[in-house]
C-alpha atoms as a PDB file:
ATOM      1  CA  MET A   1       0.000   0.000   0.000  1.00  0.00           C
ATOM      2  CA  SER A   2       2.943   2.251  -0.433  1.00  0.00           C
ATOM      3  CA  GLY A   3       2.348   5.631  -1.972  1.00  0.00           C
ATOM      4  CA  HIS A   4       4.396   7.460  -4.602  1.00  0.00           C
ATOM      5  CA  ASN A   5       7.688   5.657  -5.059  1.00  0.00           C
ATOM      6  CA  LYS A   6      10.121   4.723  -7.787  1.00  0.00           C
ATOM      7  CA  TRP A   7       8.614   2.068 -10.040  1.00  0.00           C
ATOM      8  CA  SER A   8      11.564  -0.310  -9.680  1.00  0.00           C
ATOM      9  CA  LYS A   9      10.920  -0.483  -5.937  1.00  0.00           C
ATOM     10  CA  ILE A  10       7.195  -1.030  -6.447  1.00  0.00           C
ATOM     11  CA  LYS A  11       7.872  -3.758  -8.969  1.00  0.00           C
ATOM     12  CA  ASN A  12      10.455  -5.495  -6.779  1.00  0.00           C
ATOM     13  CA  LYS A  13       7.990  -5.517  -3.898  1.00  0.00           C
ATOM     14  CA  LYS A  14       5.230  -7.165  -5.906  1.00  0.00           C
ATOM     15  CA  GLY A  15       6.189 -10.657  -4.775  1.00  0.00           C
ATOM     16  CA  ASP A  16       6.146  -9.520  -1.161  1.00  0.00           C
ATOM     17  CA  ALA A  17       2.773  -7.886  -1.715  1.00  0.00           C
ATOM     18  CA  ASP A  18       1.386 -11.141  -3.137  1.00  0.00           C
ATOM     19  CA  ALA A  19       2.531 -12.953  -0.002  1.00  0.00           C
ATOM     20  CA  LYS A  20       0.829 -10.343   2.194  1.00  0.00           C
ATOM     21  CA  ARG A  21      -2.394 -10.235   0.223  1.00  0.00           C
ATOM     22  CA  GLY A  22      -4.579 -10.770   3.293  1.00  0.00           C
ATOM     23  CA  ALA A  23      -3.096  -7.756   5.079  1.00  0.00           C
ATOM     24  CA  ILE A  24      -3.539  -5.615   1.957  1.00  0.00           C
ATOM     25  CA  PHE A  25      -7.200  -6.640   1.684  1.00  0.00           C
ATOM     26  CA  ASN A  26      -7.744  -5.679   5.338  1.00  0.00           C
ATOM     27  CA  LYS A  27      -6.319  -2.205   4.691  1.00  0.00           C
ATOM     28  CA  LEU A  28      -8.447  -1.800   1.570  1.00  0.00           C
ATOM     29  CA  SER A  29     -11.517  -2.932   3.524  1.00  0.00           C
ATOM     30  CA  ARG A  30     -10.951  -0.063   5.934  1.00  0.00           C
ATOM     31  CA  GLU A  31     -10.695   2.426   3.082  1.00  0.00           C
ATOM     32  CA  ILE A  32     -13.872   1.072   1.483  1.00  0.00           C
ATOM     33  CA  PHE A  33     -15.669   1.175   4.847  1.00  0.00           C
ATOM     34  CA  VAL A  34     -14.690   4.806   5.497  1.00  0.00           C
ATOM     35  CA  ALA A  35     -15.556   5.948   1.964  1.00  0.00           C
ATOM     36  CA  ALA A  36     -18.951   4.218   2.027  1.00  0.00           C
ATOM     37  CA  LYS A  37     -19.764   5.391   5.549  1.00  0.00           C
ATOM     38  CA  ASN A  38     -18.942   9.013   4.699  1.00  0.00           C
ATOM     39  CA  GLY A  39     -20.451   9.236   1.222  1.00  0.00           C
ATOM     40  CA  GLY A  40     -22.873   6.358   0.770  1.00  0.00           C
ATOM     41  CA  ALA A  41     -22.720   2.912  -0.796  1.00  0.00           C
ATOM     42  CA  ASP A  42     -23.453   3.950  -4.404  1.00  0.00           C
ATOM     43  CA  PRO A  43     -20.148   4.407  -6.291  1.00  0.00           C
ATOM     44  CA  SER A  44     -21.901   6.462  -8.992  1.00  0.00           C
ATOM     45  CA  MET A  45     -22.726   9.061  -6.345  1.00  0.00           C
ATOM     46  CA  ASN A  46     -19.561   8.698  -4.258  1.00  0.00           C
ATOM     47  CA  ALA A  47     -16.281   9.652  -5.962  1.00  0.00           C
ATOM     48  CA  ALA A  48     -14.142   8.580  -3.005  1.00  0.00           C
ATOM     49  CA  LEU A  49     -15.707   5.127  -3.043  1.00  0.00           C
ATOM     50  CA  ARG A  50     -15.165   4.815  -6.810  1.00  0.00           C
ATOM     51  CA  LEU A  51     -11.448   5.520  -6.369  1.00  0.00           C
ATOM     52  CA  VAL A  52     -10.924   3.002  -3.590  1.00  0.00           C
ATOM     53  CA  LEU A  53     -12.942   0.371  -5.462  1.00  0.00           C
ATOM     54  CA  ASP A  54     -10.581   0.866  -8.420  1.00  0.00           C
ATOM     55  CA  LYS A  55      -7.656   0.258  -6.043  1.00  0.00           C
ATOM     56  CA  ALA A  56      -9.328  -2.849  -4.659  1.00  0.00           C
ATOM     57  CA  ARG A  57      -9.965  -4.289  -8.115  1.00  0.00           C
ATOM     58  CA  ALA A  58      -6.368  -3.536  -9.174  1.00  0.00           C
ATOM     59  CA  ALA A  59      -5.229  -5.542  -6.127  1.00  0.00           C
ATOM     60  CA  ASN A  60      -7.537  -8.415  -7.176  1.00  0.00           C
ATOM     61  CA  MET A  61      -9.563  -8.072  -3.987  1.00  0.00           C
ATOM     62  CA  PRO A  62     -12.434 -10.598  -4.014  1.00  0.00           C
ATOM     63  CA  LYS A  63     -15.883  -9.128  -4.621  1.00  0.00           C
ATOM     64  CA  ASP A  64     -17.171 -10.766  -1.421  1.00  0.00           C
ATOM     65  CA  ASN A  65     -14.608  -8.811   0.628  1.00  0.00           C
ATOM     66  CA  ILE A  66     -15.629  -5.568  -1.071  1.00  0.00           C
ATOM     67  CA  ASN A  67     -19.326  -6.194  -0.508  1.00  0.00           C
ATOM     68  CA  ARG A  68     -18.773  -7.067   3.165  1.00  0.00           C
ATOM     69  CA  ALA A  69     -16.948  -3.790   3.765  1.00  0.00           C
ATOM     70  CA  ILE A  70     -19.725  -1.777   2.097  1.00  0.00           C
ATOM     71  CA  LYS A  71     -22.451  -3.691   3.961  1.00  0.00           C
ATOM     72  CA  LYS A  72     -20.673  -3.096   7.274  1.00  0.00           C
ATOM     73  CA  ALA A  73     -20.443   0.646   6.527  1.00  0.00           C
ATOM     74  CA  THR A  74     -24.164   0.907   5.830  1.00  0.00           C
ATOM     75  CA  ASP A  75     -25.266  -1.170   8.840  1.00  0.00           C
ATOM     76  CA  VAL A  76     -26.914   1.363  11.180  1.00  0.00           C
ATOM     77  CA  GLY A  77     -26.165  -0.919  14.126  1.00  0.00           C
ATOM     78  CA  ASP A  78     -22.427  -1.020  13.472  1.00  0.00           C
ATOM     79  CA  THR A  79     -20.502   1.334  15.761  1.00  0.00           C
ATOM     80  CA  THR A  80     -17.067   0.906  14.165  1.00  0.00           C
ATOM     81  CA  ASN A  81     -15.337   4.215  13.536  1.00  0.00           C
ATOM     82  CA  TYR A  82     -11.957   4.883  11.938  1.00  0.00           C
ATOM     83  CA  ASN A  83     -10.082   8.167  12.215  1.00  0.00           C
ATOM     84  CA  GLU A  84      -7.638   9.418   9.602  1.00  0.00           C
ATOM     85  CA  ILE A  85      -4.397  10.424  11.323  1.00  0.00           C
ATOM     86  CA  SER A  86      -1.153  11.525   9.632  1.00  0.00           C
ATOM     87  CA  TYR A  87       2.324  11.245  11.149  1.00  0.00           C
ATOM     88  CA  GLU A  88       5.413  13.105  10.005  1.00  0.00           C
ATOM     89  CA  GLY A  89       9.068  12.406  10.550  1.00  0.00           C
ATOM     90  CA  TYR A  90      12.546  11.970   9.168  1.00  0.00           C
ATOM     91  CA  GLY A  91      14.573   8.989   8.066  1.00  0.00           C
ATOM     92  CA  PRO A  92      18.238   8.380   7.211  1.00  0.00           C
ATOM     93  CA  GLY A  93      19.900  11.296   5.440  1.00  0.00           C
ATOM     94  CA  GLY A  94      17.148  13.657   6.587  1.00  0.00           C
ATOM     95  CA  VAL A  95      14.619  12.211   4.144  1.00  0.00           C
ATOM     96  CA  ALA A  96      11.042  13.353   4.807  1.00  0.00           C
ATOM     97  CA  ILE A  97       8.467  10.670   5.676  1.00  0.00           C
ATOM     98  CA  LEU A  98       4.706  11.112   5.673  1.00  0.00           C
ATOM     99  CA  VAL A  99       2.517   8.325   7.097  1.00  0.00           C
ATOM    100  CA  HIS A 100      -1.247   8.134   6.616  1.00  0.00           C
ATOM    101  CA  THR A 101      -3.258   5.860   8.922  1.00  0.00           C
ATOM    102  CA  LEU A 102      -6.843   4.750   9.519  1.00  0.00           C
ATOM    103  CA  THR A 103      -7.305   3.713  13.122  1.00  0.00           C
ATOM    104  CA  ASP A 104      -9.999   2.881  15.645  1.00  0.00           C
ATOM    105  CA  ASN A 105      -7.546   3.377  18.520  1.00  0.00           C
ATOM    106  CA  LYS A 106      -5.408   6.530  18.375  1.00  0.00           C
ATOM    107  CA  ASN A 107      -3.345   5.671  21.466  1.00  0.00           C
ATOM    108  CA  ARG A 108      -2.359   2.304  20.033  1.00  0.00           C
ATOM    109  CA  THR A 109      -1.403   3.799  16.674  1.00  0.00           C
ATOM    110  CA  ASP A 110       0.551   6.658  18.276  1.00  0.00           C
ATOM    111  CA  ALA A 111       2.597   4.171  20.296  1.00  0.00           C
ATOM    112  CA  HIS A 112       3.240   1.861  17.356  1.00  0.00           C
ATOM    113  CA  ILE A 113       4.351   4.606  14.951  1.00  0.00           C
ATOM    114  CA  HIS A 114       6.652   6.242  17.521  1.00  0.00           C
ATOM    115  CA  THR A 115       8.217   2.857  18.320  1.00  0.00           C
ATOM    116  CA  ILE A 116       8.797   1.987  14.658  1.00  0.00           C
ATOM    117  CA  PHE A 117      10.500   5.333  13.989  1.00  0.00           C
ATOM    118  CA  SER A 118      12.726   5.167  17.071  1.00  0.00           C
ATOM    119  CA  ARG A 119      13.806   1.546  16.558  1.00  0.00           C
ATOM    120  CA  ASN A 120      14.569   1.860  12.838  1.00  0.00           C
ATOM    121  CA  GLY A 121      16.741   4.957  12.489  1.00  0.00           C
ATOM    122  CA  GLY A 122      13.975   7.541  12.182  1.00  0.00           C
ATOM    123  CA  ASN A 123      12.826  10.573  14.140  1.00  0.00           C
ATOM    124  CA  MET A 124       9.257  11.737  14.628  1.00  0.00           C
ATOM    125  CA  GLY A 125       8.499  15.316  13.663  1.00  0.00           C
ATOM    126  CA  SER A 126       5.782  17.709  14.769  1.00  0.00           C
ATOM    127  CA  SER A 127       2.580  18.243  12.776  1.00  0.00           C
ATOM    128  CA  GLY A 128       3.397  20.205   9.630  1.00  0.00           C
ATOM    129  CA  SER A 129       7.133  19.523   9.780  1.00  0.00           C
ATOM    130  CA  VAL A 130       7.293  17.678   6.442  1.00  0.00           C
ATOM    131  CA  ALA A 131       3.754  17.698   4.990  1.00  0.00           C
ATOM    132  CA  TYR A 132       4.447  20.980   3.202  1.00  0.00           C
ATOM    133  CA  LEU A 133       7.098  19.188   1.129  1.00  0.00           C
ATOM    134  CA  PHE A 134       4.427  17.094  -0.626  1.00  0.00           C
ATOM    135  CA  ASP A 135       1.540  17.931  -2.962  1.00  0.00           C
ATOM    136  CA  ARG A 136      -1.563  15.803  -3.347  1.00  0.00           C
ATOM    137  CA  LYS A 137      -1.791  14.731  -6.975  1.00  0.00           C
ATOM    138  CA  GLY A 138      -3.255  12.086  -9.223  1.00  0.00           C
ATOM    139  CA  TYR A 139      -0.528   9.591 -10.132  1.00  0.00           C
ATOM    140  CA  ILE A 140      -0.695   7.131 -13.049  1.00  0.00           C
ATOM    141  CA  VAL A 141       2.037   4.715 -14.127  1.00  0.00           C
ATOM    142  CA  ILE A 142       2.098   3.080 -17.563  1.00  0.00           C
ATOM    143  CA  GLU A 143       4.816   0.576 -18.414  1.00  0.00           C
ATOM    144  CA  ARG A 144       6.567   1.214 -21.713  1.00  0.00           C
ATOM    145  CA  GLU A 145       7.305  -2.413 -22.549  1.00  0.00           C
ATOM    146  CA  GLY A 146       5.187  -3.473 -25.511  1.00  0.00           C
ATOM    147  CA  LEU A 147       3.709   0.012 -25.851  1.00  0.00           C
ATOM    148  CA  ASP A 148       3.788   1.497 -29.337  1.00  0.00           C
ATOM    149  CA  LEU A 149       4.002   5.124 -28.182  1.00  0.00           C
ATOM    150  CA  ASP A 150       7.091   7.296 -27.983  1.00  0.00           C
ATOM    151  CA  GLU A 151       7.532  10.171 -25.551  1.00  0.00           C
ATOM    152  CA  ASP A 152       6.163  12.811 -27.923  1.00  0.00           C
ATOM    153  CA  ALA A 153       3.046  10.808 -28.723  1.00  0.00           C
ATOM    154  CA  MET A 154       2.393  10.074 -25.055  1.00  0.00           C
ATOM    155  CA  PHE A 155       2.923  13.732 -24.124  1.00  0.00           C
ATOM    156  CA  GLU A 156       0.330  14.820 -26.698  1.00  0.00           C
ATOM    157  CA  LEU A 157      -2.076  12.163 -25.439  1.00  0.00           C
ATOM    158  CA  VAL A 158      -1.843  13.048 -21.727  1.00  0.00           C
ATOM    159  CA  LEU A 159      -1.966  16.781 -22.460  1.00  0.00           C
ATOM    160  CA  GLU A 160      -5.180  16.313 -24.415  1.00  0.00           C
ATOM    161  CA  ALA A 161      -6.560  14.192 -21.555  1.00  0.00           C
ATOM    162  CA  GLY A 162      -5.995  17.079 -19.134  1.00  0.00           C
ATOM    163  CA  ALA A 163      -2.904  15.882 -17.250  1.00  0.00           C
ATOM    164  CA  GLU A 164      -0.568  18.338 -15.544  1.00  0.00           C
ATOM    165  CA  ASP A 165       2.796  16.686 -16.222  1.00  0.00           C
ATOM    166  CA  LEU A 166       4.498  13.684 -17.788  1.00  0.00           C
ATOM    167  CA  LYS A 167       7.739  12.128 -16.565  1.00  0.00           C
ATOM    168  CA  THR A 168       9.516   9.474 -18.584  1.00  0.00           C
ATOM    169  CA  SER A 169      12.191   6.878 -17.950  1.00  0.00           C
ATOM    170  CA  ASP A 170      13.389   3.806 -19.819  1.00  0.00           C
ATOM    171  CA  ASP A 171      10.729   1.641 -18.188  1.00  0.00           C
ATOM    172  CA  ILE A 172       7.662   3.786 -17.542  1.00  0.00           C
ATOM    173  CA  PHE A 173       5.589   6.872 -18.145  1.00  0.00           C
ATOM    174  CA  GLU A 174       4.537   8.693 -14.969  1.00  0.00           C
ATOM    175  CA  ILE A 175       1.500  10.934 -15.429  1.00  0.00           C
ATOM    176  CA  ILE A 176       0.704  13.623 -12.849  1.00  0.00           C
ATOM    177  CA  THR A 177      -2.701  15.295 -12.558  1.00  0.00           C
ATOM    178  CA  LEU A 178      -4.506  17.711 -10.289  1.00  0.00           C
ATOM    179  CA  PRO A 179      -6.671  15.729  -7.836  1.00  0.00           C
ATOM    180  CA  LYS A 180      -9.912  17.057  -9.352  1.00  0.00           C
ATOM    181  CA  ASP A 181      -8.775  16.054 -12.860  1.00  0.00           C
ATOM    182  CA  PHE A 182      -7.598  12.554 -11.935  1.00  0.00           C
ATOM    183  CA  PRO A 183     -10.844  10.642 -12.692  1.00  0.00           C
ATOM    184  CA  ALA A 184     -11.309  12.323 -16.085  1.00  0.00           C
ATOM    185  CA  VAL A 185      -7.654  11.829 -17.106  1.00  0.00           C
ATOM    186  CA  LYS A 186      -7.762   8.186 -16.022  1.00  0.00           C
ATOM    187  CA  GLU A 187     -10.969   7.627 -17.982  1.00  0.00           C
ATOM    188  CA  ALA A 188      -9.588   9.351 -21.093  1.00  0.00           C
ATOM    189  CA  LEU A 189      -6.404   7.268 -21.063  1.00  0.00           C
ATOM    190  CA  ALA A 190      -8.340   4.051 -20.414  1.00  0.00           C
ATOM    191  CA  ALA A 191     -10.454   4.870 -23.476  1.00  0.00           C
ATOM    192  CA  GLN A 192      -7.201   4.714 -25.480  1.00  0.00           C
ATOM    193  CA  LEU A 193      -6.828   1.106 -24.262  1.00  0.00           C
ATOM    194  CA  LEU A 194      -3.831   1.967 -22.108  1.00  0.00           C
ATOM    195  CA  THR A 195      -3.137  -0.345 -19.168  1.00  0.00           C
ATOM    196  CA  PHE A 196      -2.258   1.184 -15.809  1.00  0.00           C
ATOM    197  CA  ALA A 197       0.421  -0.367 -13.638  1.00  0.00           C
ATOM    198  CA  GLN A 198      -0.652   2.058 -10.928  1.00  0.00           C
ATOM    199  CA  ALA A 199      -3.372   4.711 -10.714  1.00  0.00           C
ATOM    200  CA  GLN A 200      -4.279   6.514  -7.513  1.00  0.00           C
ATOM    201  CA  LEU A 201      -4.266   9.790  -5.629  1.00  0.00           C
ATOM    202  CA  SER A 202      -0.846  10.173  -4.042  1.00  0.00           C
ATOM    203  CA  MET A 203       1.481  12.609  -2.280  1.00  0.00           C
ATOM    204  CA  ILE A 204       4.190  13.750  -4.683  1.00  0.00           C
ATOM    205  CA  PRO A 205       7.370  15.315  -3.246  1.00  0.00           C
ATOM    206  CA  GLN A 206       8.238  18.811  -4.456  1.00  0.00           C
ATOM    207  CA  THR A 207      11.961  18.078  -4.197  1.00  0.00           C
ATOM    208  CA  GLU A 208      13.848  14.841  -3.701  1.00  0.00           C
ATOM    209  CA  VAL A 209      16.773  13.798  -1.478  1.00  0.00           C
ATOM    210  CA  ILE A 210      19.555  11.602  -2.858  1.00  0.00           C
ATOM    211  CA  LEU A 211      20.633   8.919  -0.375  1.00  0.00           C
ATOM    212  CA  THR A 212      23.702   6.725  -0.202  1.00  0.00           C
ATOM    213  CA  PRO A 213      23.143   2.974  -0.714  1.00  0.00           C
ATOM    214  CA  GLU A 214      23.513   2.438   3.036  1.00  0.00           C
ATOM    215  CA  GLN A 215      21.002   5.181   3.860  1.00  0.00           C
ATOM    216  CA  LEU A 216      18.593   3.839   1.251  1.00  0.00           C
ATOM    217  CA  GLU A 217      18.768   0.359   2.756  1.00  0.00           C
ATOM    218  CA  LYS A 218      17.953   1.748   6.202  1.00  0.00           C
ATOM    219  CA  LEU A 219      15.082   3.790   4.765  1.00  0.00           C
ATOM    220  CA  ASP A 220      13.641   0.754   2.984  1.00  0.00           C
ATOM    221  CA  ASN A 221      13.690  -1.148   6.262  1.00  0.00           C
ATOM    222  CA  LEU A 222      11.950   1.704   8.106  1.00  0.00           C
ATOM    223  CA  VAL A 223       9.255   2.012   5.418  1.00  0.00           C
ATOM    224  CA  ASP A 224       8.729  -1.767   5.408  1.00  0.00           C
ATOM    225  CA  LYS A 225       8.200  -1.756   9.175  1.00  0.00           C
ATOM    226  CA  LEU A 226       5.712   1.102   8.893  1.00  0.00           C
ATOM    227  CA  GLU A 227       3.779  -0.603   6.094  1.00  0.00           C
ATOM    228  CA  GLU A 228       3.540  -3.807   8.150  1.00  0.00           C
ATOM    229  CA  ASP A 229       1.479  -2.010  10.791  1.00  0.00           C
ATOM    230  CA  ASP A 230      -2.234  -2.782  10.405  1.00  0.00           C
ATOM    231  CA  ASP A 231      -3.257   0.861  10.879  1.00  0.00           C
ATOM    232  CA  VAL A 232      -0.908   2.282   8.222  1.00  0.00           C
ATOM    233  CA  GLN A 233      -2.512   2.882   4.838  1.00  0.00           C
ATOM    234  CA  ASP A 234       0.216   4.748   2.926  1.00  0.00           C
ATOM    235  CA  VAL A 235       3.831   5.808   3.432  1.00  0.00           C
ATOM    236  CA  TYR A 236       5.381   8.580   1.339  1.00  0.00           C
ATOM    237  CA  THR A 237       9.013   9.734   1.221  1.00  0.00           C
ATOM    238  CA  ASN A 238      10.992  12.275  -0.789  1.00  0.00           C
ATOM    239  CA  ALA A 239      13.887   9.912  -1.454  1.00  0.00           C
ATOM    240  CA  ALA A 240      15.124  10.177  -5.045  1.00  0.00           C
ATOM    241  CA  ASN A 241      16.623   6.705  -5.216  1.00  0.00           C
END
């Protein structure tokens, strides 16, 4: 459930994600529950629910799991309540770390996040200490392998779709949108029969920090520990590597 990150890291973690599928489904169930509880169970009338359902389908979440989460959210007798809480801190090399959680027990989550930071080479920061370094954006990844589009053609396509920016590398196209434009851009690109390796609202760093291999290894370990926590939904960093 990691947020914006370099595609090589996302791809390398896919096997791990497959092995932790149950934990991922639990996190997605919470997101579905919150979206449905706040905006209703009809995806056509609830944009937040539509987005998280797209994420759930991309993760191959079983339909029964999705329906259970929505049913639970609309059960007037259910008293479950999750709060969205963000944590900010620093990792090796001064890299900024932003952690988004959904929790039904703030004290438990506070303790867990503080412990993970302190035991894995990180330092907690105060509210607002690093959040200003990130912008909320729509983020779409399209793999270039087997794609008959060069950079110029893709740029023209995403510009016409309403995207804000296009970043290219040997392996992928990264498409950045304003949050309000994300659904329309995603729909326009899907209409061109493009396949998304990733498509979600994310926190994109304004600037990036280059780490040494040793620092990067320590950061990866810290992020892994954070992502293993049941209450953590997304972890964002401004590491360039």
